Amino acid sequence: AELLGISRQAISKWESGQGNPDIDNIIKLTKIYQVSTDYILL
């Protein structure tokens, strides 16, 4: 959450399926995890 500049609760919601990251956060996640957007999304 600190790396993304968001709350820990947002991460918790994504991981529990109660919400999804927006496109800006998906792009940041690809950089953090060194994976493609296709892998994260699909």
PDB file of all heavy atoms in Angstrom:
ATOM      1  N   ALA A   1       0.833  -1.206   0.000  1.00  0.00           N
ATOM      2  CA  ALA A   1       0.000   0.000   0.000  1.00  0.00           C
ATOM      3  C   ALA A   1       0.867   1.254   0.000  1.00  0.00           C
ATOM      4  O   ALA A   1       0.574   2.213  -0.715  1.00  0.00           O
ATOM      5  CB  ALA A   1      -0.932  -0.019   1.215  1.00  0.00           C
ATOM      6  N   GLU A   2       1.958   1.254   0.774  1.00  0.00           N
ATOM      7  CA  GLU A   2       2.861   2.404   0.794  1.00  0.00           C
ATOM      8  C   GLU A   2       3.512   2.615  -0.567  1.00  0.00           C
ATOM      9  O   GLU A   2       3.627   3.752  -1.031  1.00  0.00           O
ATOM     10  CB  GLU A   2       3.945   2.214   1.851  1.00  0.00           C
ATOM     11  CG  GLU A   2       3.465   2.483   3.260  1.00  0.00           C
ATOM     12  CD  GLU A   2       4.592   2.415   4.271  1.00  0.00           C
ATOM     13  OE1 GLU A   2       5.760   2.613   3.903  1.00  0.00           O
ATOM     14  OE2 GLU A   2       4.291   2.161   5.432  1.00  0.00           O
ATOM     15  N   LEU A   3       3.922   1.526  -1.214  1.00  0.00           N
ATOM     16  CA  LEU A   3       4.533   1.649  -2.542  1.00  0.00           C
ATOM     17  C   LEU A   3       3.561   2.258  -3.551  1.00  0.00           C
ATOM     18  O   LEU A   3       3.965   3.013  -4.431  1.00  0.00           O
ATOM     19  CB  LEU A   3       4.990   0.281  -3.048  1.00  0.00           C
ATOM     20  CG  LEU A   3       6.219  -0.325  -2.391  1.00  0.00           C
ATOM     21  CD1 LEU A   3       6.454  -1.743  -2.900  1.00  0.00           C
ATOM     22  CD2 LEU A   3       7.448   0.533  -2.671  1.00  0.00           C
ATOM     23  N   LEU A   4       2.280   1.905  -3.418  1.00  0.00           N
ATOM     24  CA  LEU A   4       1.270   2.382  -4.359  1.00  0.00           C
ATOM     25  C   LEU A   4       0.657   3.720  -3.949  1.00  0.00           C
ATOM     26  O   LEU A   4      -0.049   4.349  -4.733  1.00  0.00           O
ATOM     27  CB  LEU A   4       0.157   1.338  -4.505  1.00  0.00           C
ATOM     28  CG  LEU A   4       0.570   0.000  -5.115  1.00  0.00           C
ATOM     29  CD1 LEU A   4      -0.571  -1.007  -5.017  1.00  0.00           C
ATOM     30  CD2 LEU A   4       1.002   0.175  -6.555  1.00  0.00           C
ATOM     31  N   GLY A   5       0.891   4.128  -2.694  1.00  0.00           N
ATOM     32  CA  GLY A   5       0.306   5.379  -2.208  1.00  0.00           C
ATOM     33  C   GLY A   5      -1.185   5.274  -1.937  1.00  0.00           C
ATOM     34  O   GLY A   5      -1.933   6.218  -2.170  1.00  0.00           O
ATOM     35  N   ILE A   6      -1.608   4.099  -1.462  1.00  0.00           N
ATOM     36  CA  ILE A   6      -3.022   3.868  -1.155  1.00  0.00           C
ATOM     37  C   ILE A   6      -3.124   3.250   0.233  1.00  0.00           C
ATOM     38  O   ILE A   6      -2.119   3.005   0.887  1.00  0.00           O
ATOM     39  CB  ILE A   6      -3.694   2.946  -2.206  1.00  0.00           C
ATOM     40  CG1 ILE A   6      -2.989   1.585  -2.250  1.00  0.00           C
ATOM     41  CG2 ILE A   6      -3.680   3.604  -3.577  1.00  0.00           C
ATOM     42  CD1 ILE A   6      -3.672   0.575  -3.156  1.00  0.00           C
ATOM     43  N   SER A   7      -4.340   2.954   0.672  1.00  0.00           N
ATOM     44  CA  SER A   7      -4.528   2.369   1.998  1.00  0.00           C
ATOM     45  C   SER A   7      -4.355   0.852   1.974  1.00  0.00           C
ATOM     46  O   SER A   7      -4.529   0.213   0.937  1.00  0.00           O
ATOM     47  CB  SER A   7      -5.931   2.701   2.523  1.00  0.00           C
ATOM     48  OG  SER A   7      -6.905   1.983   1.783  1.00  0.00           O
ATOM     49  N   ARG A   8      -4.011   0.305   3.131  1.00  0.00           N
ATOM     50  CA  ARG A   8      -3.895  -1.142   3.265  1.00  0.00           C
ATOM     51  C   ARG A   8      -5.250  -1.798   3.038  1.00  0.00           C
ATOM     52  O   ARG A   8      -5.353  -2.890   2.491  1.00  0.00           O
ATOM     53  CB  ARG A   8      -3.367  -1.513   4.658  1.00  0.00           C
ATOM     54  CG  ARG A   8      -3.133  -3.016   4.806  1.00  0.00           C
ATOM     55  CD  ARG A   8      -3.196  -3.484   6.241  1.00  0.00           C
ATOM     56  NE  ARG A   8      -4.422  -3.156   6.919  1.00  0.00           N
ATOM     57  CZ  ARG A   8      -5.577  -3.819   6.793  1.00  0.00           C
ATOM     58  NH1 ARG A   8      -5.687  -4.842   5.982  1.00  0.00           N
ATOM     59  NH2 ARG A   8      -6.645  -3.450   7.484  1.00  0.00           N
ATOM     60  N   GLN A   9      -6.311  -1.110   3.408  1.00  0.00           N
ATOM     61  CA  GLN A   9      -7.658  -1.646   3.227  1.00  0.00           C
ATOM     62  C   GLN A   9      -7.983  -1.860   1.758  1.00  0.00           C
ATOM     63  O   GLN A   9      -8.691  -2.809   1.408  1.00  0.00           O
ATOM     64  CB  GLN A   9      -8.707  -0.722   3.876  1.00  0.00           C
ATOM     65  CG  GLN A   9      -8.665  -0.710   5.386  1.00  0.00           C
ATOM     66  CD  GLN A   9      -7.587   0.181   5.987  1.00  0.00           C
ATOM     67  OE1 GLN A   9      -6.851   0.853   5.289  1.00  0.00           O
ATOM     68  NE2 GLN A   9      -7.470   0.169   7.306  1.00  0.00           N
ATOM     69  N   ALA A  10      -7.461  -0.989   0.883  1.00  0.00           N
ATOM     70  CA  ALA A  10      -7.693  -1.161  -0.556  1.00  0.00           C
ATOM     71  C   ALA A  10      -7.054  -2.464  -1.031  1.00  0.00           C
ATOM     72  O   ALA A  10      -7.670  -3.222  -1.786  1.00  0.00           O
ATOM     73  CB  ALA A  10      -7.127   0.026  -1.331  1.00  0.00           C
ATOM     74  N   ILE A  11      -5.832  -2.739  -0.567  1.00  0.00           N
ATOM     75  CA  ILE A  11      -5.158  -3.988  -0.930  1.00  0.00           C
ATOM     76  C   ILE A  11      -5.972  -5.175  -0.432  1.00  0.00           C
ATOM     77  O   ILE A  11      -6.181  -6.157  -1.154  1.00  0.00           O
ATOM     78  CB  ILE A  11      -3.730  -4.053  -0.333  1.00  0.00           C
ATOM     79  CG1 ILE A  11      -2.881  -2.850  -0.767  1.00  0.00           C
ATOM     80  CG2 ILE A  11      -3.047  -5.376  -0.673  1.00  0.00           C
ATOM     81  CD1 ILE A  11      -2.583  -2.767  -2.221  1.00  0.00           C
ATOM     82  N   SER A  12      -6.461  -5.078   0.790  1.00  0.00           N
ATOM     83  CA  SER A  12      -7.270  -6.149   1.374  1.00  0.00           C
ATOM     84  C   SER A  12      -8.527  -6.403   0.546  1.00  0.00           C
ATOM     85  O   SER A  12      -8.897  -7.556   0.305  1.00  0.00           O
ATOM     86  CB  SER A  12      -7.641  -5.789   2.809  1.00  0.00           C
ATOM     87  OG  SER A  12      -8.460  -6.781   3.373  1.00  0.00           O
ATOM     88  N   LYS A  13      -9.173  -5.328   0.085  1.00  0.00           N
ATOM     89  CA  LYS A  13     -10.384  -5.481  -0.739  1.00  0.00           C
ATOM     90  C   LYS A  13     -10.066  -6.152  -2.067  1.00  0.00           C
ATOM     91  O   LYS A  13     -10.825  -7.000  -2.534  1.00  0.00           O
ATOM     92  CB  LYS A  13     -11.043  -4.117  -0.980  1.00  0.00           C
ATOM     93  CG  LYS A  13     -11.780  -3.602   0.235  1.00  0.00           C
ATOM     94  CD  LYS A  13     -12.471  -2.285  -0.046  1.00  0.00           C
ATOM     95  CE  LYS A  13     -13.205  -1.792   1.181  1.00  0.00           C
ATOM     96  NZ  LYS A  13     -13.889  -0.527   0.942  1.00  0.00           N
ATOM     97  N   TRP A  14      -8.940  -5.786  -2.681  1.00  0.00           N
ATOM     98  CA  TRP A  14      -8.557  -6.420  -3.945  1.00  0.00           C
ATOM     99  C   TRP A  14      -8.352  -7.909  -3.739  1.00  0.00           C
ATOM    100  O   TRP A  14      -8.816  -8.728  -4.527  1.00  0.00           O
ATOM    101  CB  TRP A  14      -7.265  -5.846  -4.488  1.00  0.00           C
ATOM    102  CG  TRP A  14      -7.275  -4.385  -4.827  1.00  0.00           C
ATOM    103  CD1 TRP A  14      -8.358  -3.548  -4.914  1.00  0.00           C
ATOM    104  CD2 TRP A  14      -6.136  -3.584  -5.098  1.00  0.00           C
ATOM    105  NE1 TRP A  14      -7.955  -2.286  -5.233  1.00  0.00           N
ATOM    106  CE2 TRP A  14      -6.600  -2.270  -5.354  1.00  0.00           C
ATOM    107  CE3 TRP A  14      -4.774  -3.832  -5.161  1.00  0.00           C
ATOM    108  CZ2 TRP A  14      -5.739  -1.236  -5.671  1.00  0.00           C
ATOM    109  CZ3 TRP A  14      -3.922  -2.796  -5.477  1.00  0.00           C
ATOM    110  CH2 TRP A  14      -4.393  -1.512  -5.725  1.00  0.00           C
ATOM    111  N   GLU A  15      -7.632  -8.255  -2.663  1.00  0.00           N
ATOM    112  CA  GLU A  15      -7.271  -9.649  -2.437  1.00  0.00           C
ATOM    113  C   GLU A  15      -8.449 -10.498  -1.956  1.00  0.00           C
ATOM    114  O   GLU A  15      -8.421 -11.715  -2.086  1.00  0.00           O
ATOM    115  CB  GLU A  15      -6.110  -9.738  -1.449  1.00  0.00           C
ATOM    116  CG  GLU A  15      -4.828  -9.196  -2.026  1.00  0.00           C
ATOM    117  CD  GLU A  15      -3.629  -9.297  -1.117  1.00  0.00           C
ATOM    118  OE1 GLU A  15      -3.756  -9.785   0.021  1.00  0.00           O
ATOM    119  OE2 GLU A  15      -2.536  -8.893  -1.552  1.00  0.00           O
ATOM    120  N   SER A  16      -9.468  -9.866  -1.416  1.00  0.00           N
ATOM    121  CA  SER A  16     -10.653 -10.617  -0.993  1.00  0.00           C
ATOM    122  C   SER A  16     -11.731 -10.618  -2.074  1.00  0.00           C
ATOM    123  O   SER A  16     -12.806 -11.189  -1.877  1.00  0.00           O
ATOM    124  CB  SER A  16     -11.208 -10.032   0.316  1.00  0.00           C
ATOM    125  OG  SER A  16     -11.691  -8.718   0.090  1.00  0.00           O
ATOM    126  N   GLY A  17     -11.481  -9.956  -3.193  1.00  0.00           N
ATOM    127  CA  GLY A  17     -12.439  -9.927  -4.291  1.00  0.00           C
ATOM    128  C   GLY A  17     -13.551  -8.915  -4.114  1.00  0.00           C
ATOM    129  O   GLY A  17     -14.523  -8.922  -4.861  1.00  0.00           O
ATOM    130  N   GLN A  18     -13.411  -8.000  -3.141  1.00  0.00           N
ATOM    131  CA  GLN A  18     -14.438  -6.993  -2.899  1.00  0.00           C
ATOM    132  C   GLN A  18     -14.240  -5.733  -3.741  1.00  0.00           C
ATOM    133  O   GLN A  18     -15.063  -4.829  -3.715  1.00  0.00           O
ATOM    134  CB  GLN A  18     -14.455  -6.606  -1.417  1.00  0.00           C
ATOM    135  CG  GLN A  18     -14.830  -7.755  -0.514  1.00  0.00           C
ATOM    136  CD  GLN A  18     -14.710  -7.368   0.948  1.00  0.00           C
ATOM    137  OE1 GLN A  18     -14.546  -6.195   1.285  1.00  0.00           O
ATOM    138  NE2 GLN A  18     -14.783  -8.342   1.827  1.00  0.00           N
ATOM    139  N   GLY A  19     -13.122  -5.680  -4.465  1.00  0.00           N
ATOM    140  CA  GLY A  19     -12.832  -4.531  -5.318  1.00  0.00           C
ATOM    141  C   GLY A  19     -11.706  -4.887  -6.261  1.00  0.00           C
ATOM    142  O   GLY A  19     -11.094  -5.958  -6.136  1.00  0.00           O
ATOM    143  N   ASN A  20     -11.419  -3.997  -7.197  1.00  0.00           N
ATOM    144  CA  ASN A  20     -10.359  -4.220  -8.168  1.00  0.00           C
ATOM    145  C   ASN A  20      -9.500  -2.967  -8.277  1.00  0.00           C
ATOM    146  O   ASN A  20     -10.010  -1.849  -8.148  1.00  0.00           O
ATOM    147  CB  ASN A  20     -10.931  -4.544  -9.549  1.00  0.00           C
ATOM    148  CG  ASN A  20     -11.641  -5.872  -9.564  1.00  0.00           C
ATOM    149  OD1 ASN A  20     -11.135  -6.859  -9.038  1.00  0.00           O
ATOM    150  ND2 ASN A  20     -12.821  -5.901 -10.167  1.00  0.00           N
ATOM    151  N   PRO A  21      -8.204  -3.136  -8.566  1.00  0.00           N
ATOM    152  CA  PRO A  21      -7.339  -1.964  -8.744  1.00  0.00           C
ATOM    153  C   PRO A  21      -7.701  -1.209 -10.017  1.00  0.00           C
ATOM    154  O   PRO A  21      -8.154  -1.808 -10.987  1.00  0.00           O
ATOM    155  CB  PRO A  21      -5.930  -2.578  -8.848  1.00  0.00           C
ATOM    156  CG  PRO A  21      -6.142  -4.005  -9.208  1.00  0.00           C
ATOM    157  CD  PRO A  21      -7.482  -4.395  -8.696  1.00  0.00           C
ATOM    158  N   ASP A  22      -7.517   0.114  -9.972  1.00  0.00           N
ATOM    159  CA  ASP A  22      -7.746   0.894 -11.193  1.00  0.00           C
ATOM    160  C   ASP A  22      -6.543   0.723 -12.125  1.00  0.00           C
ATOM    161  O   ASP A  22      -5.536   0.118 -11.760  1.00  0.00           O
ATOM    162  CB  ASP A  22      -8.018   2.365 -10.870  1.00  0.00           C
ATOM    163  CG  ASP A  22      -6.851   3.067 -10.187  1.00  0.00           C
ATOM    164  OD1 ASP A  22      -5.697   2.591 -10.291  1.00  0.00           O
ATOM    165  OD2 ASP A  22      -7.087   4.106  -9.542  1.00  0.00           O
ATOM    166  N   ILE A  23      -6.645   1.254 -13.324  1.00  0.00           N
ATOM    167  CA  ILE A  23      -5.617   1.042 -14.340  1.00  0.00           C
ATOM    168  C   ILE A  23      -4.262   1.583 -13.905  1.00  0.00           C
ATOM    169  O   ILE A  23      -3.225   0.961 -14.167  1.00  0.00           O
ATOM    170  CB  ILE A  23      -6.052   1.620 -15.715  1.00  0.00           C
ATOM    171  CG1 ILE A  23      -5.091   1.173 -16.824  1.00  0.00           C
ATOM    172  CG2 ILE A  23      -6.138   3.126 -15.670  1.00  0.00           C
ATOM    173  CD1 ILE A  23      -5.141  -0.290 -17.129  1.00  0.00           C
ATOM    174  N   ASP A  24      -4.242   2.732 -13.215  1.00  0.00           N
ATOM    175  CA  ASP A  24      -2.968   3.297 -12.753  1.00  0.00           C
ATOM    176  C   ASP A  24      -2.276   2.346 -11.778  1.00  0.00           C
ATOM    177  O   ASP A  24      -1.065   2.150 -11.847  1.00  0.00           O
ATOM    178  CB  ASP A  24      -3.185   4.653 -12.080  1.00  0.00           C
ATOM    179  CG  ASP A  24      -3.612   5.728 -13.070  1.00  0.00           C
ATOM    180  OD1 ASP A  24      -3.232   5.631 -14.254  1.00  0.00           O
ATOM    181  OD2 ASP A  24      -4.334   6.653 -12.658  1.00  0.00           O
ATOM    182  N   ASN A  25      -3.047   1.751 -10.873  1.00  0.00           N
ATOM    183  CA  ASN A  25      -2.451   0.818  -9.919  1.00  0.00           C
ATOM    184  C   ASN A  25      -2.045  -0.495 -10.583  1.00  0.00           C
ATOM    185  O   ASN A  25      -1.056  -1.110 -10.173  1.00  0.00           O
ATOM    186  CB  ASN A  25      -3.391   0.577  -8.744  1.00  0.00           C
ATOM    187  CG  ASN A  25      -3.407   1.755  -7.803  1.00  0.00           C
ATOM    188  OD1 ASN A  25      -2.381   2.353  -7.524  1.00  0.00           O
ATOM    189  ND2 ASN A  25      -4.580   2.120  -7.316  1.00  0.00           N
ATOM    190  N   ILE A  26      -2.771  -0.914 -11.591  1.00  0.00           N
ATOM    191  CA  ILE A  26      -2.372  -2.128 -12.320  1.00  0.00           C
ATOM    192  C   ILE A  26      -1.019  -1.906 -12.989  1.00  0.00           C
ATOM    193  O   ILE A  26      -0.139  -2.766 -12.937  1.00  0.00           O
ATOM    194  CB  ILE A  26      -3.450  -2.534 -13.350  1.00  0.00           C
ATOM    195  CG1 ILE A  26      -4.695  -3.041 -12.615  1.00  0.00           C
ATOM    196  CG2 ILE A  26      -2.911  -3.599 -14.306  1.00  0.00           C
ATOM    197  CD1 ILE A  26      -5.894  -3.271 -13.500  1.00  0.00           C
ATOM    198  N   ILE A  27      -0.836  -0.734 -13.576  1.00  0.00           N
ATOM    199  CA  ILE A  27       0.451  -0.417 -14.212  1.00  0.00           C
ATOM    200  C   ILE A  27       1.565  -0.398 -13.172  1.00  0.00           C
ATOM    201  O   ILE A  27       2.655  -0.944 -13.399  1.00  0.00           O
ATOM    202  CB  ILE A  27       0.349   0.920 -14.980  1.00  0.00           C
ATOM    203  CG1 ILE A  27      -0.584   0.754 -16.183  1.00  0.00           C
ATOM    204  CG2 ILE A  27       1.727   1.411 -15.411  1.00  0.00           C
ATOM    205  CD1 ILE A  27      -0.977   2.043 -16.856  1.00  0.00           C
ATOM    206  N   LYS A  28       1.305   0.206 -12.025  1.00  0.00           N
ATOM    207  CA  LYS A  28       2.315   0.216 -10.956  1.00  0.00           C
ATOM    208  C   LYS A  28       2.630  -1.207 -10.492  1.00  0.00           C
ATOM    209  O   LYS A  28       3.785  -1.534 -10.226  1.00  0.00           O
ATOM    210  CB  LYS A  28       1.830   1.055  -9.772  1.00  0.00           C
ATOM    211  CG  LYS A  28       1.781   2.539 -10.051  1.00  0.00           C
ATOM    212  CD  LYS A  28       1.206   3.284  -8.855  1.00  0.00           C
ATOM    213  CE  LYS A  28       0.983   4.758  -9.129  1.00  0.00           C
ATOM    214  NZ  LYS A  28       0.355   5.439  -7.983  1.00  0.00           N
ATOM    215  N   LEU A  29       1.606  -2.052 -10.409  1.00  0.00           N
ATOM    216  CA  LEU A  29       1.817  -3.438  -9.980  1.00  0.00           C
ATOM    217  C   LEU A  29       2.686  -4.205 -10.974  1.00  0.00           C
ATOM    218  O   LEU A  29       3.511  -5.035 -10.575  1.00  0.00           O
ATOM    219  CB  LEU A  29       0.470  -4.146  -9.785  1.00  0.00           C
ATOM    220  CG  LEU A  29      -0.353  -3.693  -8.588  1.00  0.00           C
ATOM    221  CD1 LEU A  29      -1.763  -4.261  -8.658  1.00  0.00           C
ATOM    222  CD2 LEU A  29       0.313  -4.088  -7.280  1.00  0.00           C
ATOM    223  N   THR A  30       2.525  -3.918 -12.284  1.00  0.00           N
ATOM    224  CA  THR A  30       3.365  -4.602 -13.272  1.00  0.00           C
ATOM    225  C   THR A  30       4.829  -4.255 -13.058  1.00  0.00           C
ATOM    226  O   THR A  30       5.701  -5.113 -13.232  1.00  0.00           O
ATOM    227  CB  THR A  30       2.965  -4.239 -14.728  1.00  0.00           C
ATOM    228  OG1 THR A  30       3.198  -2.859 -14.968  1.00  0.00           O
ATOM    229  CG2 THR A  30       1.533  -4.604 -15.022  1.00  0.00           C
ATOM    230  N   LYS A  31       5.106  -3.025 -12.658  1.00  0.00           N
ATOM    231  CA  LYS A  31       6.487  -2.598 -12.411  1.00  0.00           C
ATOM    232  C   LYS A  31       7.018  -3.217 -11.122  1.00  0.00           C
ATOM    233  O   LYS A  31       8.168  -3.652 -11.066  1.00  0.00           O
ATOM    234  CB  LYS A  31       6.560  -1.079 -12.361  1.00  0.00           C
ATOM    235  CG  LYS A  31       6.286  -0.438 -13.706  1.00  0.00           C
ATOM    236  CD  LYS A  31       6.273   1.059 -13.620  1.00  0.00           C
ATOM    237  CE  LYS A  31       5.934   1.654 -14.992  1.00  0.00           C
ATOM    238  NZ  LYS A  31       5.841   3.094 -14.953  1.00  0.00           N
ATOM    239  N   ILE A  32       6.199  -3.238 -10.103  1.00  0.00           N
ATOM    240  CA  ILE A  32       6.630  -3.800  -8.817  1.00  0.00           C
ATOM    241  C   ILE A  32       6.916  -5.288  -8.943  1.00  0.00           C
ATOM    242  O   ILE A  32       7.934  -5.781  -8.467  1.00  0.00           O
ATOM    243  CB  ILE A  32       5.561  -3.535  -7.732  1.00  0.00           C
ATOM    244  CG1 ILE A  32       5.503  -2.040  -7.414  1.00  0.00           C
ATOM    245  CG2 ILE A  32       5.841  -4.357  -6.476  1.00  0.00           C
ATOM    246  CD1 ILE A  32       4.327  -1.627  -6.557  1.00  0.00           C
ATOM    247  N   TYR A  33       6.013  -6.023  -9.609  1.00  0.00           N
ATOM    248  CA  TYR A  33       6.138  -7.478  -9.683  1.00  0.00           C
ATOM    249  C   TYR A  33       6.885  -7.970 -10.917  1.00  0.00           C
ATOM    250  O   TYR A  33       7.144  -9.162 -11.044  1.00  0.00           O
ATOM    251  CB  TYR A  33       4.751  -8.119  -9.651  1.00  0.00           C
ATOM    252  CG  TYR A  33       3.986  -7.878  -8.378  1.00  0.00           C
ATOM    253  CD1 TYR A  33       2.635  -7.574  -8.421  1.00  0.00           C
ATOM    254  CD2 TYR A  33       4.590  -7.961  -7.139  1.00  0.00           C
ATOM    255  CE1 TYR A  33       1.912  -7.359  -7.264  1.00  0.00           C
ATOM    256  CE2 TYR A  33       3.872  -7.742  -5.968  1.00  0.00           C
ATOM    257  CZ  TYR A  33       2.541  -7.438  -6.033  1.00  0.00           C
ATOM    258  OH  TYR A  33       1.838  -7.225  -4.888  1.00  0.00           O
ATOM    259  N   GLN A  34       7.202  -7.045 -11.843  1.00  0.00           N
ATOM    260  CA  GLN A  34       7.911  -7.410 -13.066  1.00  0.00           C
ATOM    261  C   GLN A  34       7.131  -8.449 -13.883  1.00  0.00           C
ATOM    262  O   GLN A  34       7.690  -9.456 -14.325  1.00  0.00           O
ATOM    263  CB  GLN A  34       9.321  -7.932 -12.736  1.00  0.00           C
ATOM    264  CG  GLN A  34      10.204  -6.937 -12.012  1.00  0.00           C
ATOM    265  CD  GLN A  34      10.695  -5.826 -12.911  1.00  0.00           C
ATOM    266  OE1 GLN A  34      11.304  -6.106 -13.926  1.00  0.00           O
ATOM    267  NE2 GLN A  34      10.425  -4.590 -12.562  1.00  0.00           N
ATOM    268  N   VAL A  35       5.835  -8.226 -14.036  1.00  0.00           N
ATOM    269  CA  VAL A  35       4.973  -9.098 -14.842  1.00  0.00           C
ATOM    270  C   VAL A  35       4.173  -8.227 -15.802  1.00  0.00           C
ATOM    271  O   VAL A  35       4.117  -7.015 -15.651  1.00  0.00           O
ATOM    272  CB  VAL A  35       4.010  -9.953 -13.969  1.00  0.00           C
ATOM    273  CG1 VAL A  35       4.784 -10.897 -13.071  1.00  0.00           C
ATOM    274  CG2 VAL A  35       3.075  -9.076 -13.163  1.00  0.00           C
ATOM    275  N   SER A  36       3.526  -8.864 -16.769  1.00  0.00           N
ATOM    276  CA  SER A  36       2.719  -8.126 -17.744  1.00  0.00           C
ATOM    277  C   SER A  36       1.327  -7.835 -17.184  1.00  0.00           C
ATOM    278  O   SER A  36       0.869  -8.490 -16.244  1.00  0.00           O
ATOM    279  CB  SER A  36       2.580  -8.936 -19.031  1.00  0.00           C
ATOM    280  OG  SER A  36       1.788 -10.088 -18.795  1.00  0.00           O
ATOM    281  N   THR A  37       0.683  -6.858 -17.804  1.00  0.00           N
ATOM    282  CA  THR A  37      -0.707  -6.580 -17.425  1.00  0.00           C
ATOM    283  C   THR A  37      -1.591  -7.772 -17.768  1.00  0.00           C
ATOM    284  O   THR A  37      -2.553  -8.053 -17.061  1.00  0.00           O
ATOM    285  CB  THR A  37      -1.240  -5.317 -18.128  1.00  0.00           C
ATOM    286  OG1 THR A  37      -1.031  -5.441 -19.529  1.00  0.00           O
ATOM    287  CG2 THR A  37      -0.555  -4.073 -17.603  1.00  0.00           C
ATOM    288  N   ASP A  38      -1.262  -8.480 -18.862  1.00  0.00           N
ATOM    289  CA  ASP A  38      -2.022  -9.682 -19.221  1.00  0.00           C
ATOM    290  C   ASP A  38      -1.981 -10.701 -18.094  1.00  0.00           C
ATOM    291  O   ASP A  38      -2.980 -11.352 -17.808  1.00  0.00           O
ATOM    292  CB  ASP A  38      -1.472 -10.323 -20.493  1.00  0.00           C
ATOM    293  CG  ASP A  38      -1.968  -9.638 -21.755  1.00  0.00           C
ATOM    294  OD1 ASP A  38      -2.853  -8.767 -21.641  1.00  0.00           O
ATOM    295  OD2 ASP A  38      -1.473  -9.984 -22.837  1.00  0.00           O
ATOM    296  N   TYR A  39      -0.813 -10.847 -17.483  1.00  0.00           N
ATOM    297  CA  TYR A  39      -0.729 -11.827 -16.397  1.00  0.00           C
ATOM    298  C   TYR A  39      -1.561 -11.373 -15.197  1.00  0.00           C
ATOM    299  O   TYR A  39      -2.308 -12.153 -14.620  1.00  0.00           O
ATOM    300  CB  TYR A  39       0.716 -12.090 -15.954  1.00  0.00           C
ATOM    301  CG  TYR A  39       0.744 -13.102 -14.846  1.00  0.00           C
ATOM    302  CD1 TYR A  39       0.501 -14.449 -15.106  1.00  0.00           C
ATOM    303  CD2 TYR A  39       0.922 -12.714 -13.530  1.00  0.00           C
ATOM    304  CE1 TYR A  39       0.460 -15.382 -14.094  1.00  0.00           C
ATOM    305  CE2 TYR A  39       0.881 -13.645 -12.498  1.00  0.00           C
ATOM    306  CZ  TYR A  39       0.655 -14.978 -12.792  1.00  0.00           C
ATOM    307  OH  TYR A  39       0.595 -15.890 -11.779  1.00  0.00           O
ATOM    308  N   ILE A  40      -1.446 -10.102 -14.828  1.00  0.00           N
ATOM    309  CA  ILE A  40      -2.207  -9.620 -13.666  1.00  0.00           C
ATOM    310  C   ILE A  40      -3.707  -9.748 -13.920  1.00  0.00           C
ATOM    311  O   ILE A  40      -4.438 -10.270 -13.083  1.00  0.00           O
ATOM    312  CB  ILE A  40      -1.831  -8.160 -13.321  1.00  0.00           C
ATOM    313  CG1 ILE A  40      -0.415  -8.128 -12.729  1.00  0.00           C
ATOM    314  CG2 ILE A  40      -2.833  -7.555 -12.321  1.00  0.00           C
ATOM    315  CD1 ILE A  40       0.086  -6.761 -12.371  1.00  0.00           C
ATOM    316  N   LEU A  41      -4.160  -9.289 -15.071  1.00  0.00           N
ATOM    317  CA  LEU A  41      -5.597  -9.252 -15.338  1.00  0.00           C
ATOM    318  C   LEU A  41      -6.185 -10.602 -15.734  1.00  0.00           C
ATOM    319  O   LEU A  41      -7.286 -10.951 -15.314  1.00  0.00           O
ATOM    320  CB  LEU A  41      -5.899  -8.230 -16.440  1.00  0.00           C
ATOM    321  CG  LEU A  41      -5.609  -6.775 -16.079  1.00  0.00           C
ATOM    322  CD1 LEU A  41      -5.749  -5.891 -17.314  1.00  0.00           C
ATOM    323  CD2 LEU A  41      -6.503  -6.302 -14.952  1.00  0.00           C
ATOM    324  N   LEU A  42      -5.457 -11.355 -16.563  1.00  0.00           N
ATOM    325  CA  LEU A  42      -6.021 -12.570 -17.144  1.00  0.00           C
ATOM    326  C   LEU A  42      -5.308 -13.852 -16.748  1.00  0.00           C
ATOM    327  O   LEU A  42      -5.813 -14.948 -17.018  1.00  0.00           O
ATOM    328  CB  LEU A  42      -6.018 -12.451 -18.679  1.00  0.00           C
ATOM    329  CG  LEU A  42      -6.704 -11.197 -19.239  1.00  0.00           C
ATOM    330  CD1 LEU A  42      -6.433 -11.071 -20.722  1.00  0.00           C
ATOM    331  CD2 LEU A  42      -8.188 -11.243 -18.947  1.00  0.00           C
TER     332      LEU A  42
END
